[in-house]
Protein backbone atom coordinates (compact mmCIF):
# COMPACT_ATOMS: atom_id res chain seq x y z
CA MET A 1 0.00 0.00 0.00
CA PHE A 2 1.13 3.57 -0.70
CA ALA A 3 0.72 4.63 2.95
CA ALA A 4 3.13 1.92 4.12
CA THR A 5 6.01 3.13 1.96
CA THR A 6 9.22 3.86 3.88
CA PRO A 7 10.84 7.09 2.62
CA ASN A 8 14.56 7.16 1.94
CA SER A 9 15.97 8.86 5.05
CA ALA A 10 19.19 9.71 3.21
CA TYR A 11 17.26 12.60 1.67
CA THR A 12 15.52 15.49 3.40
CA PRO A 13 11.77 15.02 2.91
CA ILE A 14 10.09 17.30 0.39
CA SER A 15 6.32 17.29 0.01
CA LEU A 16 4.61 18.41 -3.19
CA GLY A 17 1.50 16.54 -2.16
CA ILE A 18 -0.71 19.07 -0.37
CA GLY A 19 -1.82 22.45 -1.73
CA GLU A 20 -0.80 24.33 1.41
CA PRO A 21 0.88 27.69 0.69
CA LYS A 22 4.37 27.99 2.18
CA HIS A 23 5.35 31.51 1.16
CA ALA A 24 5.73 33.87 4.10
CA THR A 25 2.62 35.54 5.49
CA PRO A 26 2.86 39.33 4.96
CA GLU A 27 3.84 41.19 8.12
CA PHE A 28 1.01 43.74 7.84
CA ILE A 29 -1.58 40.94 8.07
CA LYS A 30 0.05 39.55 11.21
CA SER A 31 0.17 43.07 12.67
CA ALA A 32 -3.54 43.60 11.99
CA LEU A 33 -4.29 40.28 13.66
CA ALA A 34 -2.24 41.16 16.73
CA ALA A 35 -3.70 44.65 17.01
CA ALA A 36 -7.23 43.23 17.16
CA LEU A 37 -6.48 40.93 20.08
CA GLY A 38 -7.09 43.65 22.64
CA SER A 39 -10.81 44.00 21.97
CA GLY A 40 -11.58 41.34 19.40
CA LEU A 41 -12.14 38.46 21.82
CA ALA A 42 -14.59 40.14 24.19
CA ALA A 43 -17.87 39.52 22.33
CA TYR A 44 -19.63 36.98 20.14
CA PRO A 45 -19.27 37.91 16.46
CA ALA A 46 -22.20 38.20 14.07
CA THR A 47 -22.36 35.46 11.43
CA ALA A 48 -22.87 38.11 8.75
CA GLY A 49 -19.55 39.70 9.67
CA GLU A 50 -18.67 43.29 10.36
CA PRO A 51 -19.84 45.87 7.79
CA ALA A 52 -16.21 46.86 7.21
CA LEU A 53 -15.31 43.30 6.22
CA ARG A 54 -18.25 42.93 3.83
CA GLN A 55 -17.34 46.30 2.30
CA ALA A 56 -13.72 45.16 1.87
CA CYS A 57 -14.98 42.05 0.08
CA VAL A 58 -17.23 43.89 -2.36
CA GLY A 59 -14.51 46.49 -2.88
CA TRP A 60 -12.09 43.77 -3.92
CA LEU A 61 -14.69 42.20 -6.23
CA SER A 62 -15.22 45.57 -7.87
CA ARG A 63 -11.51 46.16 -8.42
CA ARG A 64 -10.77 42.61 -9.53
CA TYR A 65 -13.81 41.77 -11.65
CA GLY A 66 -15.59 45.07 -12.28
CA VAL A 67 -18.80 43.85 -10.63
CA SER A 68 -21.02 45.67 -8.15
CA LEU A 69 -22.64 43.83 -5.23
CA ASP A 70 -24.68 44.84 -2.20
CA PRO A 71 -22.51 44.23 0.88
CA THR A 72 -25.59 43.63 3.06
CA THR A 73 -27.29 40.96 0.94
CA GLN A 74 -24.87 39.55 -1.66
CA VAL A 75 -21.72 38.72 0.29
CA LEU A 76 -21.04 36.60 3.37
CA PRO A 77 -17.71 35.92 5.16
CA VAL A 78 -16.84 32.25 5.66
CA ASN A 79 -14.16 30.32 7.52
CA GLY A 80 -12.23 29.42 4.40
CA SER A 81 -13.75 28.30 1.12
CA ARG A 82 -13.55 24.59 1.97
CA GLU A 83 -16.13 24.59 4.77
CA ALA A 84 -18.43 26.85 2.78
CA LEU A 85 -18.25 24.65 -0.32
CA PHE A 86 -19.26 21.72 1.85
CA ALA A 87 -21.97 23.56 3.80
CA LEU A 88 -23.70 25.11 0.79
CA ALA A 89 -24.87 21.70 -0.40
CA GLN A 90 -26.72 21.23 2.88
CA THR A 91 -28.82 24.35 2.20
CA VAL A 92 -29.32 23.85 -1.54
CA ILE A 93 -30.09 20.15 -1.89
CA ASP A 94 -33.64 18.94 -1.30
CA PRO A 95 -33.17 15.23 -0.52
CA THR A 96 -36.94 14.63 -0.65
CA ARG A 97 -36.80 15.05 -4.42
CA ALA A 98 -36.10 11.61 -5.82
CA GLY A 99 -32.78 11.13 -7.55
CA ALA A 100 -31.12 14.41 -6.49
CA ILE A 101 -27.76 14.85 -8.23
CA VAL A 102 -24.68 17.02 -7.63
CA VAL A 103 -22.59 17.42 -10.77
CA HIS A 104 -18.87 18.21 -10.64
CA PRO A 105 -15.71 17.71 -12.72
CA ASN A 106 -13.62 14.55 -12.70
CA PRO A 107 -10.80 14.85 -11.53
CA PHE A 108 -11.94 17.11 -8.73
CA TYR A 109 -11.49 18.56 -5.25
CA GLN A 110 -12.79 15.82 -2.97
CA ILE A 111 -15.00 18.09 -0.85
CA TYR A 112 -17.58 18.21 -3.66
CA GLU A 113 -18.20 14.49 -3.48
CA GLY A 114 -18.48 14.43 0.32
CA ALA A 115 -20.89 17.35 0.28
CA ALA A 116 -23.10 15.54 -2.20
CA PHE A 117 -23.28 12.36 -0.14
CA LEU A 118 -24.00 14.10 3.17
CA SER A 119 -26.74 16.24 1.60
CA GLY A 120 -28.58 13.12 0.41
CA ALA A 121 -27.67 13.52 -3.26
CA GLN A 122 -25.56 11.41 -5.60
CA PRO A 123 -22.45 12.86 -7.28
CA TYR A 124 -22.10 12.74 -11.05
CA TYR A 125 -18.52 12.85 -12.33
CA VAL A 126 -17.92 14.77 -15.56
CA PRO A 127 -14.61 13.89 -17.28
CA SER A 128 -12.18 16.47 -18.65
CA ASP A 129 -10.63 16.39 -22.10
CA ALA A 130 -6.83 16.15 -21.98
CA THR A 131 -6.65 17.17 -25.65
CA ARG A 132 -8.37 20.50 -24.85
CA ASN A 133 -6.25 21.63 -21.90
CA PHE A 134 -8.40 19.52 -19.57
CA ALA A 135 -11.61 21.44 -20.31
CA VAL A 136 -14.56 19.71 -18.64
CA ASP A 137 -16.73 17.82 -21.14
CA TRP A 138 -20.13 19.18 -20.11
CA ASP A 139 -21.64 17.98 -23.40
CA SER A 140 -21.13 14.39 -22.23
CA VAL A 141 -23.69 14.81 -19.42
CA PRO A 142 -27.01 13.15 -20.39
CA ALA A 143 -30.16 15.28 -20.42
CA ASP A 144 -31.80 13.15 -17.74
CA VAL A 145 -28.86 13.86 -15.39
CA TRP A 146 -29.18 17.62 -15.91
CA ALA A 147 -32.92 17.30 -15.23
CA ARG A 148 -32.20 15.88 -11.74
CA THR A 149 -29.25 18.16 -10.96
CA GLN A 150 -29.71 20.49 -8.00
CA LEU A 151 -26.14 21.72 -7.61
CA LEU A 152 -23.15 22.06 -9.93
CA TYR A 153 -19.63 22.59 -8.63
CA VAL A 154 -17.14 24.21 -10.97
CA CYS A 155 -13.52 25.02 -10.19
CA SER A 156 -11.74 27.70 -12.22
CA PRO A 157 -8.77 27.84 -12.12
CA GLY A 158 -9.10 24.11 -11.74
CA ASN A 159 -7.72 21.74 -9.15
CA PRO A 160 -5.74 19.71 -10.19
CA THR A 161 -5.49 20.79 -13.83
CA GLY A 162 -5.04 24.56 -13.56
CA ALA A 163 -7.47 25.08 -16.47
CA VAL A 164 -9.52 28.30 -16.65
CA MET A 165 -13.10 28.36 -17.93
CA PRO A 166 -13.68 30.78 -20.85
CA LEU A 167 -16.81 32.91 -21.29
CA ASP A 168 -18.50 30.55 -23.75
CA GLU A 169 -18.26 27.71 -21.21
CA TRP A 170 -19.92 29.90 -18.59
CA GLU A 171 -22.63 30.80 -21.10
CA LYS A 172 -23.35 27.11 -21.66
CA LEU A 173 -23.62 26.41 -17.93
CA PHE A 174 -25.82 29.42 -17.26
CA ALA A 175 -28.19 28.26 -20.00
CA LEU A 176 -28.35 24.80 -18.44
CA SER A 177 -28.97 26.32 -15.01
CA ASP A 178 -31.82 28.41 -16.39
CA ARG A 179 -33.35 25.38 -18.08
CA HIS A 180 -33.09 23.00 -15.12
CA GLY A 181 -33.01 25.32 -12.10
CA PHE A 182 -29.81 24.10 -10.47
CA VAL A 183 -27.38 26.25 -8.46
CA ILE A 184 -23.81 26.84 -9.65
CA ALA A 185 -21.12 26.90 -6.93
CA SER A 186 -17.97 28.44 -8.40
CA ASP A 187 -14.79 27.53 -6.52
CA GLU A 188 -12.27 30.29 -7.31
CA CYS A 189 -9.66 29.97 -4.57
CA TYR A 190 -6.73 29.94 -7.06
CA SER A 191 -7.84 33.03 -8.98
CA GLU A 192 -4.85 35.21 -8.07
CA ILE A 193 -2.06 32.79 -9.05
CA TYR A 194 -1.87 32.88 -12.83
CA PHE A 195 0.75 32.82 -15.58
CA ARG A 196 -0.89 34.65 -18.48
CA ASP A 197 -1.11 38.42 -18.96
CA GLU A 198 -4.88 38.38 -18.44
CA PRO A 199 -6.22 37.32 -15.03
CA PRO A 200 -8.65 34.37 -14.95
CA LEU A 201 -12.30 35.10 -15.64
CA GLY A 202 -14.49 34.74 -12.55
CA GLY A 203 -18.04 33.46 -12.36
CA LEU A 204 -19.54 36.77 -11.21
CA GLU A 205 -17.59 38.56 -13.92
CA ALA A 206 -18.86 36.13 -16.54
CA ALA A 207 -22.44 36.59 -15.32
CA ALA A 208 -22.15 40.38 -15.56
CA LYS A 209 -20.70 40.16 -19.08
CA LEU A 210 -23.66 37.99 -20.10
CA GLY A 211 -26.30 40.34 -18.68
CA ARG A 212 -26.96 38.40 -15.47
CA ALA A 213 -26.40 41.25 -13.02
CA ASP A 214 -28.65 39.59 -10.42
CA PHE A 215 -26.23 36.59 -10.38
CA ARG A 216 -29.23 34.27 -10.26
CA ASN A 217 -28.46 30.75 -9.07
CA LEU A 218 -24.74 31.58 -8.80
CA ILE A 219 -22.51 31.64 -5.72
CA ALA A 220 -18.76 32.33 -6.03
CA PHE A 221 -16.31 31.17 -3.36
CA THR A 222 -12.94 32.75 -2.72
CA SER A 223 -10.31 32.65 -0.02
CA LEU A 224 -7.29 34.44 1.40
CA SER A 225 -5.34 31.20 1.90
CA LYS A 226 -3.61 31.11 -1.49
CA ARG A 227 -3.94 34.80 -2.38
CA SER A 228 -2.33 36.06 0.83
CA ASN A 229 -0.47 32.99 2.18
CA VAL A 230 -2.64 32.65 5.28
CA PRO A 231 -4.06 29.09 5.20
CA GLY A 232 -4.18 29.04 9.00
CA LEU A 233 -6.35 32.16 9.11
CA ARG A 234 -9.31 30.25 7.62
CA SER A 235 -10.85 33.26 5.95
CA GLY A 236 -12.78 33.72 2.75
CA PHE A 237 -16.18 34.82 1.52
CA VAL A 238 -19.04 33.82 -0.74
CA ALA A 239 -20.84 36.23 -3.05
CA GLY A 240 -23.65 36.19 -5.57
CA ASP A 241 -27.39 35.57 -5.64
CA ALA A 242 -29.02 37.27 -2.63
CA ALA A 243 -31.80 34.67 -2.69
CA LEU A 244 -29.17 31.99 -1.96
CA ILE A 245 -27.10 34.04 0.48
CA LYS A 246 -30.11 34.60 2.77
CA PRO A 247 -30.80 30.92 3.65
CA PHE A 248 -27.06 30.21 3.74
CA LEU A 249 -26.67 32.94 6.38
CA LEU A 250 -29.50 31.40 8.40
CA TYR A 251 -27.93 27.94 8.18
CA ARG A 252 -24.54 29.28 9.23
CA THR A 253 -26.08 31.14 12.16
CA TYR A 254 -27.54 27.92 13.54
CA HIS A 255 -24.35 26.07 12.70
CA GLY A 256 -22.20 28.50 14.71
CA SER A 257 -20.02 29.53 11.76
CA ALA A 258 -19.26 33.14 12.67
CA MET A 259 -15.76 34.43 11.93
CA SER A 260 -13.68 35.66 14.85
CA PRO A 261 -13.41 39.48 15.02
CA VAL A 262 -9.63 39.07 15.21
CA VAL A 263 -9.63 37.15 11.93
CA GLN A 264 -12.01 39.71 10.45
CA ALA A 265 -9.57 42.52 11.23
CA ALA A 266 -6.70 40.70 9.54
CA SER A 267 -8.95 39.84 6.59
CA ILE A 268 -9.95 43.47 6.05
CA ALA A 269 -6.28 44.41 5.85
CA ALA A 270 -5.58 41.60 3.38
CA TRP A 271 -8.50 42.28 1.04
CA ASN A 272 -7.65 45.99 0.95
CA ASP A 273 -4.06 45.45 -0.19
CA GLU A 274 -2.93 44.24 -3.60
CA ALA A 275 0.82 44.81 -3.51
CA HIS A 276 1.49 41.61 -1.56
CA VAL A 277 -0.63 39.63 -4.06
CA VAL A 278 1.40 40.93 -6.98
CA GLU A 279 4.61 39.92 -5.21
CA ASN A 280 3.24 36.48 -4.38
CA ARG A 281 2.27 35.93 -8.01
CA ARG A 282 5.75 37.01 -9.13
CA MET A 283 7.34 34.37 -6.92
CA TYR A 284 5.10 31.66 -8.36
CA ARG A 285 5.76 32.77 -11.92
CA GLU A 286 9.53 32.65 -11.43
CA LYS A 287 9.32 29.26 -9.74
CA PHE A 288 7.13 27.71 -12.44
CA ALA A 289 9.26 29.22 -15.22
CA ASP A 290 12.30 27.49 -13.74
CA ILE A 291 10.83 24.13 -12.77
CA THR A 292 8.29 23.33 -15.51
CA PRO A 293 10.89 23.02 -18.32
CA ARG A 294 13.07 20.82 -16.11
CA LEU A 295 10.26 18.41 -15.39
CA ALA A 296 9.12 18.51 -19.02
CA THR A 297 12.31 16.66 -19.98
CA VAL A 298 11.01 13.53 -18.24
CA LEU A 299 7.25 14.05 -17.73
CA ASP A 300 4.31 15.09 -19.90
CA VAL A 301 3.80 18.51 -18.32
CA ALA A 302 3.30 22.11 -19.38
CA LEU A 303 2.68 25.46 -17.73
CA PRO A 304 -0.96 25.62 -16.58
CA ASP A 305 -3.28 28.58 -17.07
CA ALA A 306 -3.27 29.23 -13.33
CA SER A 307 -3.11 27.71 -9.79
CA PHE A 308 0.04 26.37 -8.13
CA TYR A 309 -0.18 22.78 -9.39
CA LEU A 310 1.53 20.87 -12.15
CA TRP A 311 -0.69 18.09 -13.55
CA ALA A 312 1.84 15.78 -15.15
CA GLY A 313 1.66 12.57 -17.15
CA ILE A 314 4.11 9.88 -16.04
CA PRO A 315 6.40 8.06 -18.53
CA ALA A 316 4.94 5.30 -20.69
CA ASN A 317 7.11 2.62 -19.11
CA TRP A 318 5.09 3.01 -15.89
CA ARG A 319 2.02 1.80 -17.82
CA GLY A 320 -0.28 4.26 -16.09
CA ASP A 321 0.64 3.19 -12.56
CA ASP A 322 0.61 6.64 -10.95
CA THR A 323 0.33 5.14 -7.46
CA GLY A 324 3.42 3.02 -8.06
CA PHE A 325 5.28 6.01 -9.47
CA ALA A 326 4.48 8.12 -6.38
CA ARG A 327 5.29 5.25 -4.00
CA ASP A 328 8.67 4.52 -5.58
CA LEU A 329 9.60 8.20 -5.82
CA LEU A 330 8.96 8.54 -2.09
CA ALA A 331 10.90 5.37 -1.30
CA GLN A 332 13.88 6.29 -3.44
CA TYR A 333 14.14 10.09 -3.18
CA ASN A 334 11.82 11.11 -0.28
CA VAL A 335 9.66 13.36 -2.49
CA THR A 336 5.89 13.18 -2.05
CA VAL A 337 3.55 13.75 -5.00
CA LEU A 338 -0.14 12.92 -5.25
CA PRO A 339 -1.25 10.11 -7.59
CA GLY A 340 -3.72 11.50 -10.09
CA SER A 341 -6.07 8.56 -9.69
CA PHE A 342 -6.62 9.60 -6.06
CA LEU A 343 -8.24 12.81 -7.33
CA ALA A 344 -10.70 11.14 -9.69
CA ARG A 345 -13.26 8.33 -9.93
CA GLU A 346 -13.85 5.60 -12.46
CA GLY A 347 -16.01 6.61 -15.40
CA PRO A 348 -16.96 5.25 -18.82
CA GLY A 349 -13.45 5.86 -20.09
CA GLY A 350 -11.71 4.73 -16.92
CA ASN A 351 -10.17 6.93 -14.23
CA PRO A 352 -9.15 10.26 -15.87
CA GLY A 353 -6.42 10.78 -13.27
CA GLN A 354 -4.78 7.45 -14.03
CA GLY A 355 -1.24 7.87 -15.27
CA ARG A 356 -0.86 11.40 -13.92
CA ILE A 357 0.51 13.00 -10.77
CA ARG A 358 -0.25 16.33 -9.12
CA MET A 359 2.64 18.40 -7.79
CA ALA A 360 1.96 21.41 -5.57
CA LEU A 361 4.83 23.89 -6.03
CA VAL A 362 4.03 25.68 -2.79
CA ALA A 363 7.41 25.61 -1.01
CA GLU A 364 10.23 28.09 -1.48
CA ALA A 365 11.94 28.06 -4.87
CA ALA A 366 15.09 26.24 -3.73
CA GLU A 367 13.13 23.38 -2.19
CA CYS A 368 10.94 22.98 -5.27
CA ALA A 369 14.03 23.04 -7.48
CA GLU A 370 15.61 20.29 -5.38
CA ALA A 371 12.43 18.23 -5.68
CA ALA A 372 12.47 18.69 -9.46
CA SER A 373 16.09 17.54 -9.65
CA ARG A 374 15.27 14.40 -7.68
CA ILE A 375 12.25 13.64 -9.87
CA VAL A 376 14.38 13.98 -13.02
CA GLN A 377 17.01 11.65 -11.53
CA PHE A 378 14.30 9.20 -10.49
CA VAL A 379 12.77 8.96 -13.96
CA GLN A 380 16.14 8.74 -15.68
CA SER A 381 17.24 6.00 -13.31
CA ARG A 382 14.26 3.90 -14.38
CA GLY A 383 15.14 4.27 -18.05
């Protein structure tokens, strides 16, 4: 079994397995957090968050996407995008309707599947097309599945592929949502780490461009974890359709999901500053520009549209055994990568993650470069 593998202790361990940002947290965010300790722990916070935080969120959305939202009805702070992605399904899905379905990409972030099961729905896995930069093949979904769909998860930039959804793809999904009445949950936590000149299109931005200023049946999720290197802060927000935000706020109030005032203070500082985001993106761009060509000499890999993952095909002599590749790499060179098949499920064409690995280039540049060198040596040693 993969978990029983003994790493080679002759090498310092390097993990590329988990998407946990390792760049330094900006000092001004830590200062804002510390400054709020004096008064921020003396009262229960409101689940809706402080007005200043909601205003910081809509201000960032306006600057980033050119969209205008009501801070009192169309935005809600959450304790990181992960818990909100999971919780939304519990407020959207009606399990009394026979055959409820949650649709999401395959491969995918595993929270979508768990949210579907706990809400009383069944997940439906939509494969991506490796020949089209891993665009999700929405046209492969049968009409009877769309008819029973209550919630659709999309992830752009994608995890693990790094693919970004273009406007015509959003237009297709909005049309399907209008026809069948399902909610679209847009996971956008990687939106600020990108490698092209143009930043990734967001769901709210796409809706506005297509004349859907009410953002009907659309909720976008974003987070400070990757943008600002504060995964331990557990801070993000959701924004979109006020008719969906209202019951979600009620659910979260009963659930006890209010954000600490101390975290709110640090979050306001983070959302109101862009200089640290530009610097963070520069570090990722330099790192990927160095490492991607090195790995491309031995793996099927290219620079993604965005995110901090490389979604790489393993050499043909491994015959698609991504688990074996990851296991032996750990045993021989003490580098952890995630087998692609772990991030996907079997479908009509097999497991779309089979034969691939995901590498999270989240550590400092020198550590990632060392990992790349070991991976190259590993592949070359296997001929």
